[in-house]
Full PDB file with SEQRES, HELIX, SHEET, SSBOND, CRYST1, ORIGX, SCALE, CONECT and MASTER records, all heavy atoms in Angstrom:
SEQRES   1 A   43  TYR SER GLY ALA VAL ASP GLU ASP GLY PHE GLY GLY PHE          
SEQRES   2 A   43  LEU GLY ALA GLY PHE ASN VAL THR ASP ASN ILE SER VAL          
SEQRES   3 A   43  GLY LEU THR TYR TYR ASP ASN LEU GLY GLY GLU SER ASP          
SEQRES   4 A   43  ALA ASP ALA THR                                              
HELIX    1 AA1 LEU A   34  GLY A   36  5                                   3    
SHEET    1 AA1 2 PHE A  13  ASN A  19  0                                        
SHEET    2 AA1 2 SER A  25  TYR A  31 -1                                        
CRYST1    1.000    1.000    1.000  90.00  90.00  90.00 P 1           1          
ORIGX1      1.000000  0.000000  0.000000        0.00000                         
ORIGX2      0.000000  1.000000  0.000000        0.00000                         
ORIGX3      0.000000  0.000000  1.000000        0.00000                         
SCALE1      1.000000  0.000000  0.000000        0.00000                         
SCALE2      0.000000  1.000000  0.000000        0.00000                         
SCALE3      0.000000  0.000000  1.000000        0.00000                         
ATOM      1  N   TYR A   1      81.233 122.081  91.213  1.00  0.00           N  
ATOM      2  CA  TYR A   1      80.812 120.850  91.876  1.00  0.00           C  
ATOM      3  C   TYR A   1      82.017 119.905  91.857  1.00  0.00           C  
ATOM      4  O   TYR A   1      82.654 119.742  90.815  1.00  0.00           O  
ATOM      5  CB  TYR A   1      79.643 120.206  91.129  1.00  0.00           C  
ATOM      6  CG  TYR A   1      78.458 121.129  90.950  1.00  0.00           C  
ATOM      7  CD1 TYR A   1      78.378 121.967  89.834  1.00  0.00           C  
ATOM      8  CD2 TYR A   1      77.444 121.165  91.885  1.00  0.00           C  
ATOM      9  CE1 TYR A   1      77.296 122.818  89.659  1.00  0.00           C  
ATOM     10  CE2 TYR A   1      76.351 122.015  91.725  1.00  0.00           C  
ATOM     11  CZ  TYR A   1      76.290 122.837  90.614  1.00  0.00           C  
ATOM     12  OH  TYR A   1      75.221 123.683  90.454  1.00  0.00           O  
ATOM     13  N   SER A   2      82.329 119.308  93.011  1.00  0.00           N  
ATOM     14  CA  SER A   2      83.521 118.479  93.063  1.00  0.00           C  
ATOM     15  C   SER A   2      83.255 117.157  93.779  1.00  0.00           C  
ATOM     16  O   SER A   2      82.278 117.012  94.527  1.00  0.00           O  
ATOM     17  CB  SER A   2      84.672 119.216  93.767  1.00  0.00           C  
ATOM     18  OG  SER A   2      84.321 119.538  95.090  1.00  0.00           O  
ATOM     19  N   GLY A   3      84.136 116.210  93.526  1.00  0.00           N  
ATOM     20  CA  GLY A   3      84.037 114.902  94.168  1.00  0.00           C  
ATOM     21  C   GLY A   3      85.372 114.200  94.083  1.00  0.00           C  
ATOM     22  O   GLY A   3      86.286 114.625  93.362  1.00  0.00           O  
ATOM     23  N   ALA A   4      85.529 113.126  94.834  1.00  0.00           N  
ATOM     24  CA  ALA A   4      86.785 112.377  94.850  1.00  0.00           C  
ATOM     25  C   ALA A   4      86.502 110.905  95.074  1.00  0.00           C  
ATOM     26  O   ALA A   4      85.493 110.534  95.689  1.00  0.00           O  
ATOM     27  CB  ALA A   4      87.705 112.908  95.948  1.00  0.00           C  
ATOM     28  N   VAL A   5      87.391 110.068  94.569  1.00  0.00           N  
ATOM     29  CA  VAL A   5      87.274 108.629  94.770  1.00  0.00           C  
ATOM     30  C   VAL A   5      88.671 108.039  94.909  1.00  0.00           C  
ATOM     31  O   VAL A   5      89.616 108.497  94.260  1.00  0.00           O  
ATOM     32  CB  VAL A   5      86.506 107.967  93.600  1.00  0.00           C  
ATOM     33  CG1 VAL A   5      87.268 108.129  92.283  1.00  0.00           C  
ATOM     34  CG2 VAL A   5      86.247 106.498  93.876  1.00  0.00           C  
ATOM     35  N   ASP A   6      88.816 107.048  95.784  1.00  0.00           N  
ATOM     36  CA  ASP A   6      90.074 106.333  95.971  1.00  0.00           C  
ATOM     37  C   ASP A   6      89.834 104.844  95.765  1.00  0.00           C  
ATOM     38  O   ASP A   6      88.844 104.301  96.272  1.00  0.00           O  
ATOM     39  CB  ASP A   6      90.648 106.549  97.384  1.00  0.00           C  
ATOM     40  CG  ASP A   6      91.046 107.998  97.628  1.00  0.00           C  
ATOM     41  OD1 ASP A   6      91.684 108.576  96.738  1.00  0.00           O  
ATOM     42  OD2 ASP A   6      90.720 108.535  98.705  1.00  0.00           O  
ATOM     43  N   GLU A   7      90.730 104.211  95.033  1.00  0.00           N  
ATOM     44  CA  GLU A   7      90.665 102.764  94.832  1.00  0.00           C  
ATOM     45  C   GLU A   7      92.001 102.170  95.244  1.00  0.00           C  
ATOM     46  O   GLU A   7      93.063 102.746  94.970  1.00  0.00           O  
ATOM     47  CB  GLU A   7      90.388 102.425  93.359  1.00  0.00           C  
ATOM     48  CG  GLU A   7      89.060 102.929  92.827  1.00  0.00           C  
ATOM     49  CD  GLU A   7      87.868 102.168  93.388  1.00  0.00           C  
ATOM     50  OE1 GLU A   7      88.082 101.078  93.956  1.00  0.00           O  
ATOM     51  OE2 GLU A   7      86.736 102.660  93.252  1.00  0.00           O  
ATOM     52  N   ASP A   8      91.990 101.014  95.917  1.00  0.00           N  
ATOM     53  CA  ASP A   8      93.245 100.371  96.288  1.00  0.00           C  
ATOM     54  C   ASP A   8      93.148  98.867  96.070  1.00  0.00           C  
ATOM     55  O   ASP A   8      92.052  98.303  96.056  1.00  0.00           O  
ATOM     56  CB  ASP A   8      93.618 100.681  97.750  1.00  0.00           C  
ATOM     57  CG  ASP A   8      92.572 100.180  98.722  1.00  0.00           C  
ATOM     58  OD1 ASP A   8      92.626  99.009  99.110  1.00  0.00           O  
ATOM     59  OD2 ASP A   8      91.677 100.977  99.089  1.00  0.00           O  
ATOM     60  N   GLY A   9      94.315  98.239  95.884  1.00  0.00           N  
ATOM     61  CA  GLY A   9      94.335  96.802  95.655  1.00  0.00           C  
ATOM     62  C   GLY A   9      95.694  96.336  95.186  1.00  0.00           C  
ATOM     63  O   GLY A   9      96.671  97.094  95.174  1.00  0.00           O  
ATOM     64  N   PHE A  10      95.751  95.073  94.787  1.00  0.00           N  
ATOM     65  CA  PHE A  10      97.007  94.429  94.418  1.00  0.00           C  
ATOM     66  C   PHE A  10      97.149  94.292  92.903  1.00  0.00           C  
ATOM     67  O   PHE A  10      96.161  94.246  92.169  1.00  0.00           O  
ATOM     68  CB  PHE A  10      97.087  93.036  95.050  1.00  0.00           C  
ATOM     69  CG  PHE A  10      97.071  93.056  96.553  1.00  0.00           C  
ATOM     70  CD1 PHE A  10      95.899  92.809  97.250  1.00  0.00           C  
ATOM     71  CD2 PHE A  10      98.223  93.333  97.258  1.00  0.00           C  
ATOM     72  CE1 PHE A  10      95.882  92.827  98.629  1.00  0.00           C  
ATOM     73  CE2 PHE A  10      98.220  93.363  98.641  1.00  0.00           C  
ATOM     74  CZ  PHE A  10      97.034  93.107  99.323  1.00  0.00           C  
ATOM     75  N   GLY A  11      98.373  94.228  92.467  1.00  0.00           N  
ATOM     76  CA  GLY A  11      98.677  93.997  91.065  1.00  0.00           C  
ATOM     77  C   GLY A  11     100.075  93.443  90.937  1.00  0.00           C  
ATOM     78  O   GLY A  11     100.720  93.099  91.933  1.00  0.00           O  
ATOM     79  N   GLY A  12     100.567  93.374  89.722  1.00  0.00           N  
ATOM     80  CA  GLY A  12     101.910  92.855  89.488  1.00  0.00           C  
ATOM     81  C   GLY A  12     102.755  93.842  88.712  1.00  0.00           C  
ATOM     82  O   GLY A  12     102.254  94.860  88.234  1.00  0.00           O  
ATOM     83  N   PHE A  13     104.039  93.548  88.604  1.00  0.00           N  
ATOM     84  CA  PHE A  13     104.909  94.384  87.784  1.00  0.00           C  
ATOM     85  C   PHE A  13     106.000  93.544  87.140  1.00  0.00           C  
ATOM     86  O   PHE A  13     106.396  92.488  87.644  1.00  0.00           O  
ATOM     87  CB  PHE A  13     105.532  95.529  88.595  1.00  0.00           C  
ATOM     88  CG  PHE A  13     106.572  95.114  89.609  1.00  0.00           C  
ATOM     89  CD1 PHE A  13     107.913  95.005  89.254  1.00  0.00           C  
ATOM     90  CD2 PHE A  13     106.213  94.835  90.913  1.00  0.00           C  
ATOM     91  CE1 PHE A  13     108.868  94.621  90.181  1.00  0.00           C  
ATOM     92  CE2 PHE A  13     107.156  94.467  91.853  1.00  0.00           C  
ATOM     93  CZ  PHE A  13     108.496  94.351  91.487  1.00  0.00           C  
ATOM     94  N   LEU A  14     106.472  94.006  85.993  1.00  0.00           N  
ATOM     95  CA  LEU A  14     107.578  93.410  85.249  1.00  0.00           C  
ATOM     96  C   LEU A  14     108.468  94.543  84.769  1.00  0.00           C  
ATOM     97  O   LEU A  14     107.970  95.608  84.392  1.00  0.00           O  
ATOM     98  CB  LEU A  14     107.076  92.628  84.033  1.00  0.00           C  
ATOM     99  CG  LEU A  14     106.305  91.328  84.275  1.00  0.00           C  
ATOM    100  CD1 LEU A  14     105.702  90.847  82.967  1.00  0.00           C  
ATOM    101  CD2 LEU A  14     107.227  90.263  84.854  1.00  0.00           C  
ATOM    102  N   GLY A  15     109.771  94.315  84.774  1.00  0.00           N  
ATOM    103  CA  GLY A  15     110.658  95.368  84.308  1.00  0.00           C  
ATOM    104  C   GLY A  15     111.992  94.843  83.851  1.00  0.00           C  
ATOM    105  O   GLY A  15     112.346  93.675  84.071  1.00  0.00           O  
ATOM    106  N   ALA A  16     112.732  95.707  83.208  1.00  0.00           N  
ATOM    107  CA  ALA A  16     114.082  95.394  82.754  1.00  0.00           C  
ATOM    108  C   ALA A  16     114.904  96.673  82.772  1.00  0.00           C  
ATOM    109  O   ALA A  16     114.361  97.773  82.625  1.00  0.00           O  
ATOM    110  CB  ALA A  16     114.061  94.810  81.339  1.00  0.00           C  
ATOM    111  N   GLY A  17     116.196  96.517  82.991  1.00  0.00           N  
ATOM    112  CA  GLY A  17     117.047  97.692  83.030  1.00  0.00           C  
ATOM    113  C   GLY A  17     118.469  97.395  82.629  1.00  0.00           C  
ATOM    114  O   GLY A  17     118.860  96.233  82.455  1.00  0.00           O  
ATOM    115  N   PHE A  18     119.222  98.469  82.486  1.00  0.00           N  
ATOM    116  CA  PHE A  18     120.621  98.372  82.079  1.00  0.00           C  
ATOM    117  C   PHE A  18     121.457  99.209  83.029  1.00  0.00           C  
ATOM    118  O   PHE A  18     121.177 100.406  83.229  1.00  0.00           O  
ATOM    119  CB  PHE A  18     120.782  98.879  80.640  1.00  0.00           C  
ATOM    120  CG  PHE A  18     122.190  98.826  80.135  1.00  0.00           C  
ATOM    121  CD1 PHE A  18     122.749  97.635  79.686  1.00  0.00           C  
ATOM    122  CD2 PHE A  18     122.974  99.983  80.115  1.00  0.00           C  
ATOM    123  CE1 PHE A  18     124.059  97.591  79.220  1.00  0.00           C  
ATOM    124  CE2 PHE A  18     124.280  99.939  79.653  1.00  0.00           C  
ATOM    125  CZ  PHE A  18     124.818  98.733  79.207  1.00  0.00           C  
ATOM    126  N   ASN A  19     122.462  98.604  83.644  1.00  0.00           N  
ATOM    127  CA  ASN A  19     123.371  99.320  84.526  1.00  0.00           C  
ATOM    128  C   ASN A  19     124.447 100.013  83.691  1.00  0.00           C  
ATOM    129  O   ASN A  19     125.338  99.368  83.155  1.00  0.00           O  
ATOM    130  CB  ASN A  19     124.025  98.359  85.522  1.00  0.00           C  
ATOM    131  CG  ASN A  19     123.038  97.828  86.543  1.00  0.00           C  
ATOM    132  OD1 ASN A  19     122.140  98.545  86.970  1.00  0.00           O  
ATOM    133  ND2 ASN A  19     123.180  96.569  86.922  1.00  0.00           N  
ATOM    134  N   VAL A  20     124.333 101.322  83.605  1.00  0.00           N  
ATOM    135  CA  VAL A  20     125.329 102.099  82.870  1.00  0.00           C  
ATOM    136  C   VAL A  20     126.664 102.047  83.625  1.00  0.00           C  
ATOM    137  O   VAL A  20     127.728 101.901  83.028  1.00  0.00           O  
ATOM    138  CB  VAL A  20     124.863 103.556  82.697  1.00  0.00           C  
ATOM    139  CG1 VAL A  20     125.888 104.369  81.922  1.00  0.00           C  
ATOM    140  CG2 VAL A  20     123.497 103.597  82.003  1.00  0.00           C  
ATOM    141  N   THR A  21     126.585 102.178  84.943  1.00  0.00           N  
ATOM    142  CA  THR A  21     127.730 101.982  85.840  1.00  0.00           C  
ATOM    143  C   THR A  21     127.216 101.164  87.024  1.00  0.00           C  
ATOM    144  O   THR A  21     126.052 100.743  87.040  1.00  0.00           O  
ATOM    145  CB  THR A  21     128.287 103.330  86.356  1.00  0.00           C  
ATOM    146  OG1 THR A  21     127.332 103.915  87.260  1.00  0.00           O  
ATOM    147  CG2 THR A  21     128.561 104.299  85.218  1.00  0.00           C  
ATOM    148  N   ASP A  22     128.045 100.944  88.031  1.00  0.00           N  
ATOM    149  CA  ASP A  22     127.586 100.222  89.210  1.00  0.00           C  
ATOM    150  C   ASP A  22     126.508 101.005  89.957  1.00  0.00           C  
ATOM    151  O   ASP A  22     125.716 100.419  90.690  1.00  0.00           O  
ATOM    152  CB  ASP A  22     128.772  99.944  90.152  1.00  0.00           C  
ATOM    153  CG  ASP A  22     128.358  99.099  91.347  1.00  0.00           C  
ATOM    154  OD1 ASP A  22     127.803  98.003  91.126  1.00  0.00           O  
ATOM    155  OD2 ASP A  22     128.562  99.543  92.495  1.00  0.00           O  
ATOM    156  N   ASN A  23     126.469 102.305  89.767  1.00  0.00           N  
ATOM    157  CA  ASN A  23     125.516 103.153  90.490  1.00  0.00           C  
ATOM    158  C   ASN A  23     124.348 103.646  89.650  1.00  0.00           C  
ATOM    159  O   ASN A  23     123.272 103.892  90.172  1.00  0.00           O  
ATOM    160  CB  ASN A  23     126.229 104.375  91.087  1.00  0.00           C  
ATOM    161  CG  ASN A  23     127.332 103.990  92.047  1.00  0.00           C  
ATOM    162  OD1 ASN A  23     128.504 104.081  91.717  1.00  0.00           O  
ATOM    163  ND2 ASN A  23     126.956 103.556  93.236  1.00  0.00           N  
ATOM    164  N   ILE A  24     124.565 103.820  88.354  1.00  0.00           N  
ATOM    165  CA  ILE A  24     123.556 104.446  87.494  1.00  0.00           C  
ATOM    166  C   ILE A  24     122.925 103.420  86.562  1.00  0.00           C  
ATOM    167  O   ILE A  24     123.619 102.609  85.945  1.00  0.00           O  
ATOM    168  CB  ILE A  24     124.188 105.586  86.670  1.00  0.00           C  
ATOM    169  CG1 ILE A  24     124.750 106.667  87.610  1.00  0.00           C  
ATOM    170  CG2 ILE A  24     123.151 106.196  85.722  1.00  0.00           C  
ATOM    171  CD1 ILE A  24     125.545 107.739  86.896  1.00  0.00           C  
ATOM    172  N   SER A  25     121.585 103.474  86.468  1.00  0.00           N  
ATOM    173  CA  SER A  25     120.872 102.544  85.599  1.00  0.00           C  
ATOM    174  C   SER A  25     119.742 103.274  84.861  1.00  0.00           C  
ATOM    175  O   SER A  25     119.310 104.349  85.255  1.00  0.00           O  
ATOM    176  CB  SER A  25     120.276 101.387  86.413  1.00  0.00           C  
ATOM    177  OG  SER A  25     119.327 101.877  87.353  1.00  0.00           O  
ATOM    178  N   VAL A  26     119.282 102.644  83.783  1.00  0.00           N  
ATOM    179  CA  VAL A  26     118.111 103.115  83.048  1.00  0.00           C  
ATOM    180  C   VAL A  26     117.229 101.903  82.786  1.00  0.00           C  
ATOM    181  O   VAL A  26     117.707 100.766  82.747  1.00  0.00           O  
ATOM    182  CB  VAL A  26     118.486 103.789  81.708  1.00  0.00           C  
ATOM    183  CG1 VAL A  26     119.280 105.063  81.937  1.00  0.00           C  
ATOM    184  CG2 VAL A  26     119.270 102.829  80.816  1.00  0.00           C  
ATOM    185  N   GLY A  27     115.924 102.130  82.635  1.00  0.00           N  
ATOM    186  CA  GLY A  27     115.068 100.981  82.379  1.00  0.00           C  
ATOM    187  C   GLY A  27     113.602 101.319  82.287  1.00  0.00           C  
ATOM    188  O   GLY A  27     113.195 102.489  82.301  1.00  0.00           O  
ATOM    189  N   LEU A  28     112.796 100.270  82.181  1.00  0.00           N  
ATOM    190  CA  LEU A  28     111.340 100.362  82.097  1.00  0.00           C  
ATOM    191  C   LEU A  28     110.723  99.373  83.080  1.00  0.00           C  
ATOM    192  O   LEU A  28     111.209  98.243  83.209  1.00  0.00           O  
ATOM    193  CB  LEU A  28     110.840 100.019  80.689  1.00  0.00           C  
ATOM    194  CG  LEU A  28     111.147 100.971  79.544  1.00  0.00           C  
ATOM    195  CD1 LEU A  28     110.738 100.326  78.215  1.00  0.00           C  
ATOM    196  CD2 LEU A  28     110.393 102.286  79.733  1.00  0.00           C  
ATOM    197  N   THR A  29     109.656  99.787  83.753  1.00  0.00           N  
ATOM    198  CA  THR A  29     108.894  98.880  84.601  1.00  0.00           C  
ATOM    199  C   THR A  29     107.414  99.068  84.290  1.00  0.00           C  
ATOM    200  O   THR A  29     106.918 100.191  84.242  1.00  0.00           O  
ATOM    201  CB  THR A  29     109.137  99.151  86.100  1.00  0.00           C  
ATOM    202  OG1 THR A  29     110.530  99.030  86.385  1.00  0.00           O  
ATOM    203  CG2 THR A  29     108.374  98.145  86.958  1.00  0.00           C  
ATOM    204  N   TYR A  30     106.736  97.951  84.068  1.00  0.00           N  
ATOM    205  CA  TYR A  30     105.303  97.975  83.757  1.00  0.00           C  
ATOM    206  C   TYR A  30     104.507  97.514  84.975  1.00  0.00           C  
ATOM    207  O   TYR A  30     104.753  96.430  85.519  1.00  0.00           O  
ATOM    208  CB  TYR A  30     105.018  97.059  82.565  1.00  0.00           C  
ATOM    209  CG  TYR A  30     103.548  96.852  82.282  1.00  0.00           C  
ATOM    210  CD1 TYR A  30     102.802  97.845  81.662  1.00  0.00           C  
ATOM    211  CD2 TYR A  30     102.907  95.663  82.641  1.00  0.00           C  
ATOM    212  CE1 TYR A  30     101.453  97.669  81.394  1.00  0.00           C  
ATOM    213  CE2 TYR A  30     101.563  95.473  82.378  1.00  0.00           C  
ATOM    214  CZ  TYR A  30     100.841  96.479  81.761  1.00  0.00           C  
ATOM    215  OH  TYR A  30      99.510  96.293  81.508  1.00  0.00           O  
ATOM    216  N   TYR A  31     103.586  98.355  85.443  1.00  0.00           N  
ATOM    217  CA  TYR A  31     102.709  98.027  86.569  1.00  0.00           C  
ATOM    218  C   TYR A  31     101.302  97.777  86.043  1.00  0.00           C  
ATOM    219  O   TYR A  31     100.762  98.629  85.322  1.00  0.00           O  
ATOM    220  CB  TYR A  31     102.648  99.190  87.570  1.00  0.00           C  
ATOM    221  CG  TYR A  31     103.907  99.409  88.370  1.00  0.00           C  
ATOM    222  CD1 TYR A  31     104.946 100.191  87.875  1.00  0.00           C  
ATOM    223  CD2 TYR A  31     104.048  98.841  89.629  1.00  0.00           C  
ATOM    224  CE1 TYR A  31     106.100 100.403  88.618  1.00  0.00           C  
ATOM    225  CE2 TYR A  31     105.194  99.053  90.387  1.00  0.00           C  
ATOM    226  CZ  TYR A  31     106.212  99.832  89.874  1.00  0.00           C  
ATOM    227  OH  TYR A  31     107.356 100.035  90.602  1.00  0.00           O  
ATOM    228  N   ASP A  32     100.710  96.645  86.416  1.00  0.00           N  
ATOM    229  CA  ASP A  32      99.320  96.425  86.021  1.00  0.00           C  
ATOM    230  C   ASP A  32      98.413  96.482  87.251  1.00  0.00           C  
ATOM    231  O   ASP A  32      98.863  96.431  88.390  1.00  0.00           O  
ATOM    232  CB  ASP A  32      99.146  95.097  85.266  1.00  0.00           C  
ATOM    233  CG  ASP A  32      99.188  93.875  86.170  1.00  0.00           C  
ATOM    234  OD1 ASP A  32      99.624  93.996  87.338  1.00  0.00           O  
ATOM    235  OD2 ASP A  32      98.783  92.798  85.710  1.00  0.00           O  
ATOM    236  N   ASN A  33      97.118  96.664  86.995  1.00  0.00           N  
ATOM    237  CA  ASN A  33      96.099  96.685  88.055  1.00  0.00           C  
ATOM    238  C   ASN A  33      96.405  97.692  89.160  1.00  0.00           C  
ATOM    239  O   ASN A  33      96.282  97.370  90.349  1.00  0.00           O  
ATOM    240  CB  ASN A  33      95.935  95.291  88.662  1.00  0.00           C  
ATOM    241  CG  ASN A  33      95.314  94.307  87.692  1.00  0.00           C  
ATOM    242  OD1 ASN A  33      95.213  94.578  86.503  1.00  0.00           O  
ATOM    243  ND2 ASN A  33      94.908  93.160  88.192  1.00  0.00           N  
ATOM    244  N   LEU A  34      96.802  98.894  88.808  1.00  0.00           N  
ATOM    245  CA  LEU A  34      97.006  99.926  89.829  1.00  0.00           C  
ATOM    246  C   LEU A  34      95.686 100.187  90.559  1.00  0.00           C  
ATOM    247  O   LEU A  34      94.636 100.292  89.931  1.00  0.00           O  
ATOM    248  CB  LEU A  34      97.529 101.213  89.199  1.00  0.00           C  
ATOM    249  CG  LEU A  34      98.994 101.170  88.737  1.00  0.00           C  
ATOM    250  CD1 LEU A  34      99.309 102.391  87.879  1.00  0.00           C  
ATOM    251  CD2 LEU A  34      99.937 101.106  89.927  1.00  0.00           C  
ATOM    252  N   GLY A  35      95.761 100.270  91.869  1.00  0.00           N  
ATOM    253  CA  GLY A  35      94.556 100.454  92.661  1.00  0.00           C  
ATOM    254  C   GLY A  35      93.625  99.258  92.625  1.00  0.00           C  
ATOM    255  O   GLY A  35      92.462  99.359  93.008  1.00  0.00           O  
ATOM    256  N   GLY A  36      94.140  98.100  92.139  1.00  0.00           N  
ATOM    257  CA  GLY A  36      93.303  96.912  92.028  1.00  0.00           C  
ATOM    258  C   GLY A  36      92.362  96.931  90.843  1.00  0.00           C  
ATOM    259  O   GLY A  36      91.527  96.038  90.687  1.00  0.00           O  
ATOM    260  N   GLU A  37      92.513  97.936  89.965  1.00  0.00           N  
ATOM    261  CA  GLU A  37      91.629  98.075  88.808  1.00  0.00           C  
ATOM    262  C   GLU A  37      92.257  97.403  87.591  1.00  0.00           C  
ATOM    263  O   GLU A  37      93.402  97.689  87.230  1.00  0.00           O  
ATOM    264  CB  GLU A  37      91.378  99.551  88.512  1.00  0.00           C  
ATOM    265  CG  GLU A  37      90.630 100.290  89.613  1.00  0.00           C  
ATOM    266  CD  GLU A  37      89.217  99.780  89.765  1.00  0.00           C  
ATOM    267  OE1 GLU A  37      88.507  99.631  88.745  1.00  0.00           O  
ATOM    268  OE2 GLU A  37      88.822  99.492  90.913  1.00  0.00           O  
ATOM    269  N   SER A  38      91.497  96.524  86.941  1.00  0.00           N  
ATOM    270  CA  SER A  38      92.051  95.724  85.847  1.00  0.00           C  
ATOM    271  C   SER A  38      92.450  96.551  84.629  1.00  0.00           C  
ATOM    272  O   SER A  38      93.269  96.117  83.827  1.00  0.00           O  
ATOM    273  CB  SER A  38      91.034  94.651  85.426  1.00  0.00           C  
ATOM    274  OG  SER A  38      89.837  95.246  84.975  1.00  0.00           O  
ATOM    275  N   ASP A  39      91.876  97.754  84.477  1.00  0.00           N  
ATOM    276  CA  ASP A  39      92.205  98.577  83.307  1.00  0.00           C  
ATOM    277  C   ASP A  39      93.117  99.751  83.661  1.00  0.00           C  
ATOM    278  O   ASP A  39      93.269 100.684  82.875  1.00  0.00           O  
ATOM    279  CB  ASP A  39      90.930  99.088  82.637  1.00  0.00           C  
ATOM    280  CG  ASP A  39      90.066  99.905  83.585  1.00  0.00           C  
ATOM    281  OD1 ASP A  39      90.356  99.923  84.798  1.00  0.00           O  
ATOM    282  OD2 ASP A  39      89.103 100.530  83.113  1.00  0.00           O  
ATOM    283  N   ALA A  40      93.738  99.714  84.846  1.00  0.00           N  
ATOM    284  CA  ALA A  40      94.622 100.803  85.278  1.00  0.00           C  
ATOM    285  C   ALA A  40      96.066 100.320  85.274  1.00  0.00           C  
ATOM    286  O   ALA A  40      96.519  99.671  86.219  1.00  0.00           O  
ATOM    287  CB  ALA A  40      94.227 101.293  86.671  1.00  0.00           C  
ATOM    288  N   ASP A  41      96.775 100.587  84.189  1.00  0.00           N  
ATOM    289  CA  ASP A  41      98.155 100.160  84.017  1.00  0.00           C  
ATOM    290  C   ASP A  41      99.041 101.366  83.739  1.00  0.00           C  
ATOM    291  O   ASP A  41      98.566 102.398  83.261  1.00  0.00           O  
ATOM    292  CB  ASP A  41      98.282  99.163  82.848  1.00  0.00           C  
ATOM    293  CG  ASP A  41      97.306  98.008  82.965  1.00  0.00           C  
ATOM    294  OD1 ASP A  41      97.040  97.580  84.103  1.00  0.00           O  
ATOM    295  OD2 ASP A  41      96.810  97.556  81.922  1.00  0.00           O  
ATOM    296  N   ALA A  42     100.321 101.231  84.022  1.00  0.00           N  
ATOM    297  CA  ALA A  42     101.256 102.326  83.760  1.00  0.00           C  
ATOM    298  C   ALA A  42     102.624 101.764  83.421  1.00  0.00           C  
ATOM    299  O   ALA A  42     103.025 100.704  83.931  1.00  0.00           O  
ATOM    300  CB  ALA A  42     101.362 103.251  84.966  1.00  0.00           C  
ATOM    301  N   THR A  43     103.352 102.461  82.573  1.00  0.00           N  
ATOM    302  CA  THR A  43     104.723 102.104  82.226  1.00  0.00           C  
ATOM    303  C   THR A  43     105.642 103.204  82.737  1.00  0.00           C  
ATOM    304  O   THR A  43     105.469 104.379  82.400  1.00  0.00           O  
ATOM    305  CB  THR A  43     104.897 101.951  80.704  1.00  0.00           C  
ATOM    306  OG1 THR A  43     103.996 100.929  80.240  1.00  0.00           O  
ATOM    307  CG2 THR A  43     106.320 101.547  80.364  1.00  0.00           C  
TER     308      THR A  43                                                      
MASTER        0    0    0    1    2    0    0    6  307    1    0    4          
END                                                                             
């Protein structure tokens, strides 16, 4: 038995990074409210 659901909406993001060179970087970005859901966050 199968089913599917899609949720969409707006949220915000915050991040920081370090430029190892002018071309290469590393970092973290935090996204909240993915799909407009208040408990759907990702780093």
